[in-house]
Amino acid sequence: MWQWIIPILTLIVGLVGGFALGTFYLKKQMSNMQMDEKQLQTMARSMGMNLNQKQLKQMSRNMKNMKMPNKFGK
């Protein structure tokens, strides 16, 4: 009986813990991500848009002011 319960519980705890650590790490990396204007222009071109200087500045400002939603609380 216990030879089935312990591995299953360990798997579930490992999956939940791995998911929690993964989301924490991803949020941390996304909040630290900085993009300069050249990278923004490259990203926009890859999506088929060609930004002028005013649009590029506005997009850069929006990226700096963007907050990631915190669904899990602190």
N, C-alpha and C. Protein backbone atom coordinates (compact mmCIF):
# COMPACT_ATOMS: atom_id res chain seq x y z
N MET A 1 0.82 -1.20 0.00
CA MET A 1 0.00 0.00 0.00
C MET A 1 0.86 1.26 0.00
N TRP A 2 1.80 1.33 0.97
CA TRP A 2 2.65 2.53 1.09
C TRP A 2 3.61 2.68 -0.08
N GLN A 3 3.97 1.55 -0.74
CA GLN A 3 4.88 1.66 -1.88
C GLN A 3 4.22 2.36 -3.06
N TRP A 4 2.91 2.54 -3.06
CA TRP A 4 2.21 3.29 -4.10
C TRP A 4 1.90 4.72 -3.67
N ILE A 5 1.57 4.91 -2.41
CA ILE A 5 1.15 6.23 -1.93
C ILE A 5 2.32 7.21 -1.86
N ILE A 6 3.46 6.80 -1.31
CA ILE A 6 4.60 7.70 -1.15
C ILE A 6 5.14 8.22 -2.48
N PRO A 7 5.36 7.36 -3.49
CA PRO A 7 5.84 7.91 -4.78
C PRO A 7 4.83 8.86 -5.44
N ILE A 8 3.56 8.58 -5.33
CA ILE A 8 2.55 9.45 -5.93
C ILE A 8 2.53 10.80 -5.22
N LEU A 9 2.56 10.78 -3.89
CA LEU A 9 2.60 12.04 -3.14
C LEU A 9 3.88 12.82 -3.43
N THR A 10 4.99 12.14 -3.54
CA THR A 10 6.25 12.80 -3.87
C THR A 10 6.20 13.44 -5.24
N LEU A 11 5.61 12.76 -6.20
CA LEU A 11 5.46 13.30 -7.55
C LEU A 11 4.59 14.56 -7.53
N ILE A 12 3.47 14.50 -6.83
CA ILE A 12 2.56 15.65 -6.77
C ILE A 12 3.24 16.84 -6.10
N VAL A 13 3.92 16.61 -4.98
CA VAL A 13 4.62 17.69 -4.27
C VAL A 13 5.73 18.27 -5.16
N GLY A 14 6.45 17.42 -5.86
CA GLY A 14 7.51 17.88 -6.75
C GLY A 14 6.98 18.71 -7.90
N LEU A 15 5.87 18.29 -8.49
CA LEU A 15 5.28 19.05 -9.59
C LEU A 15 4.78 20.42 -9.11
N VAL A 16 4.10 20.45 -7.98
CA VAL A 16 3.59 21.72 -7.45
C VAL A 16 4.75 22.64 -7.07
N GLY A 17 5.76 22.10 -6.40
CA GLY A 17 6.92 22.90 -6.03
C GLY A 17 7.69 23.40 -7.24
N GLY A 18 7.86 22.56 -8.23
CA GLY A 18 8.55 22.96 -9.46
C GLY A 18 7.80 24.04 -10.20
N PHE A 19 6.48 23.93 -10.25
CA PHE A 19 5.68 24.95 -10.91
C PHE A 19 5.78 26.28 -10.18
N ALA A 20 5.70 26.24 -8.84
CA ALA A 20 5.79 27.47 -8.06
C ALA A 20 7.15 28.14 -8.24
N LEU A 21 8.22 27.36 -8.17
CA LEU A 21 9.56 27.93 -8.37
C LEU A 21 9.74 28.45 -9.80
N GLY A 22 9.20 27.74 -10.77
CA GLY A 22 9.30 28.18 -12.16
C GLY A 22 8.59 29.49 -12.41
N THR A 23 7.40 29.64 -11.87
CA THR A 23 6.67 30.90 -12.06
C THR A 23 7.35 32.05 -11.32
N PHE A 24 7.89 31.78 -10.14
CA PHE A 24 8.61 32.82 -9.40
C PHE A 24 9.83 33.29 -10.19
N TYR A 25 10.59 32.34 -10.73
CA TYR A 25 11.79 32.67 -11.50
C TYR A 25 11.43 33.44 -12.76
N LEU A 26 10.36 33.01 -13.45
CA LEU A 26 9.95 33.69 -14.68
C LEU A 26 9.49 35.11 -14.40
N LYS A 27 8.73 35.32 -13.33
CA LYS A 27 8.30 36.67 -12.97
C LYS A 27 9.49 37.56 -12.65
N LYS A 28 10.47 36.99 -11.94
CA LYS A 28 11.67 37.76 -11.59
C LYS A 28 12.44 38.15 -12.84
N GLN A 29 12.59 37.22 -13.77
CA GLN A 29 13.31 37.51 -15.01
C GLN A 29 12.56 38.53 -15.86
N MET A 30 11.23 38.43 -15.94
CA MET A 30 10.44 39.36 -16.74
C MET A 30 10.49 40.77 -16.15
N SER A 31 10.50 40.89 -14.83
CA SER A 31 10.54 42.22 -14.22
C SER A 31 11.91 42.87 -14.39
N ASN A 32 12.95 42.06 -14.53
CA ASN A 32 14.30 42.60 -14.71
C ASN A 32 14.65 42.83 -16.18
N MET A 33 13.77 42.42 -17.08
CA MET A 33 14.07 42.51 -18.50
C MET A 33 14.07 43.96 -18.97
N GLN A 34 15.13 44.37 -19.60
CA GLN A 34 15.25 45.71 -20.17
C GLN A 34 15.49 45.58 -21.66
N MET A 35 14.77 46.37 -22.44
CA MET A 35 14.96 46.34 -23.89
C MET A 35 15.34 47.74 -24.35
N ASP A 36 16.41 47.83 -25.11
CA ASP A 36 16.77 49.13 -25.65
C ASP A 36 16.00 49.35 -26.96
N GLU A 37 16.15 50.53 -27.53
CA GLU A 37 15.35 50.89 -28.71
C GLU A 37 15.65 50.01 -29.92
N LYS A 38 16.90 49.59 -30.03
CA LYS A 38 17.26 48.73 -31.17
C LYS A 38 16.55 47.38 -31.07
N GLN A 39 16.49 46.82 -29.87
CA GLN A 39 15.81 45.55 -29.68
C GLN A 39 14.30 45.70 -29.92
N LEU A 40 13.72 46.82 -29.46
CA LEU A 40 12.30 47.06 -29.69
C LEU A 40 12.00 47.18 -31.19
N GLN A 41 12.85 47.89 -31.91
CA GLN A 41 12.67 48.04 -33.35
C GLN A 41 12.75 46.69 -34.05
N THR A 42 13.70 45.85 -33.65
CA THR A 42 13.84 44.52 -34.23
C THR A 42 12.61 43.67 -33.94
N MET A 43 12.12 43.74 -32.70
CA MET A 43 10.93 42.97 -32.33
C MET A 43 9.72 43.45 -33.14
N ALA A 44 9.57 44.76 -33.30
CA ALA A 44 8.44 45.31 -34.06
C ALA A 44 8.52 44.89 -35.52
N ARG A 45 9.71 44.92 -36.10
CA ARG A 45 9.87 44.51 -37.50
C ARG A 45 9.55 43.03 -37.69
N SER A 46 9.91 42.21 -36.69
CA SER A 46 9.60 40.78 -36.81
C SER A 46 8.10 40.53 -36.77
N MET A 47 7.34 41.47 -36.18
CA MET A 47 5.88 41.37 -36.17
C MET A 47 5.25 42.10 -37.34
N GLY A 48 6.05 42.65 -38.22
CA GLY A 48 5.53 43.30 -39.42
C GLY A 48 5.21 44.76 -39.25
N MET A 49 5.70 45.39 -38.21
CA MET A 49 5.45 46.82 -37.98
C MET A 49 6.74 47.60 -38.16
N ASN A 50 6.63 48.80 -38.66
CA ASN A 50 7.78 49.67 -38.79
C ASN A 50 7.49 50.93 -37.97
N LEU A 51 8.18 51.07 -36.85
CA LEU A 51 7.91 52.17 -35.92
C LEU A 51 8.75 53.39 -36.25
N ASN A 52 8.13 54.56 -36.16
CA ASN A 52 8.92 55.79 -36.28
C ASN A 52 9.50 56.13 -34.90
N GLN A 53 10.28 57.18 -34.82
CA GLN A 53 10.99 57.51 -33.58
C GLN A 53 10.02 57.81 -32.43
N LYS A 54 8.92 58.51 -32.70
CA LYS A 54 7.95 58.85 -31.66
C LYS A 54 7.29 57.59 -31.11
N GLN A 55 6.90 56.68 -31.99
CA GLN A 55 6.28 55.43 -31.56
C GLN A 55 7.27 54.57 -30.77
N LEU A 56 8.53 54.60 -31.19
CA LEU A 56 9.57 53.83 -30.52
C LEU A 56 9.78 54.34 -29.09
N LYS A 57 9.82 55.66 -28.93
CA LYS A 57 9.98 56.25 -27.58
C LYS A 57 8.77 55.90 -26.71
N GLN A 58 7.56 55.98 -27.30
CA GLN A 58 6.36 55.68 -26.54
C GLN A 58 6.34 54.21 -26.11
N MET A 59 6.72 53.32 -27.00
CA MET A 59 6.76 51.90 -26.68
C MET A 59 7.80 51.61 -25.60
N SER A 60 8.94 52.26 -25.70
CA SER A 60 10.00 52.10 -24.70
C SER A 60 9.51 52.57 -23.33
N ARG A 61 8.82 53.70 -23.30
CA ARG A 61 8.29 54.23 -22.04
C ARG A 61 7.24 53.29 -21.46
N ASN A 62 6.38 52.75 -22.32
CA ASN A 62 5.35 51.81 -21.86
C ASN A 62 5.96 50.54 -21.30
N MET A 63 7.02 50.05 -21.92
CA MET A 63 7.68 48.84 -21.43
C MET A 63 8.29 49.06 -20.05
N LYS A 64 8.84 50.26 -19.82
CA LYS A 64 9.44 50.56 -18.52
C LYS A 64 8.38 50.67 -17.43
N ASN A 65 7.20 51.20 -17.79
CA ASN A 65 6.15 51.41 -16.80
C ASN A 65 5.24 50.21 -16.61
N MET A 66 5.43 49.17 -17.41
CA MET A 66 4.56 48.00 -17.35
C MET A 66 4.80 47.22 -16.06
N LYS A 67 3.73 46.86 -15.40
CA LYS A 67 3.80 46.03 -14.20
C LYS A 67 3.24 44.66 -14.54
N MET A 68 3.90 43.63 -14.04
CA MET A 68 3.40 42.28 -14.26
C MET A 68 2.29 42.00 -13.26
N PRO A 69 1.19 41.36 -13.69
CA PRO A 69 0.11 41.05 -12.75
C PRO A 69 0.58 40.01 -11.75
N ASN A 70 0.17 40.19 -10.51
CA ASN A 70 0.57 39.28 -9.45
C ASN A 70 -0.67 38.50 -9.01
N LYS A 71 -0.86 37.33 -9.54
CA LYS A 71 -2.07 36.55 -9.26
C LYS A 71 -1.98 35.79 -7.94
N PHE A 72 -0.79 35.48 -7.49
CA PHE A 72 -0.63 34.63 -6.32
C PHE A 72 -0.41 35.40 -5.03
N GLY A 73 -0.34 36.71 -5.08
CA GLY A 73 -0.06 37.48 -3.88
C GLY A 73 1.41 37.47 -3.56
N LYS A 74 1.77 38.11 -2.46
CA LYS A 74 3.20 38.18 -2.09
C LYS A 74 3.50 37.30 -0.92
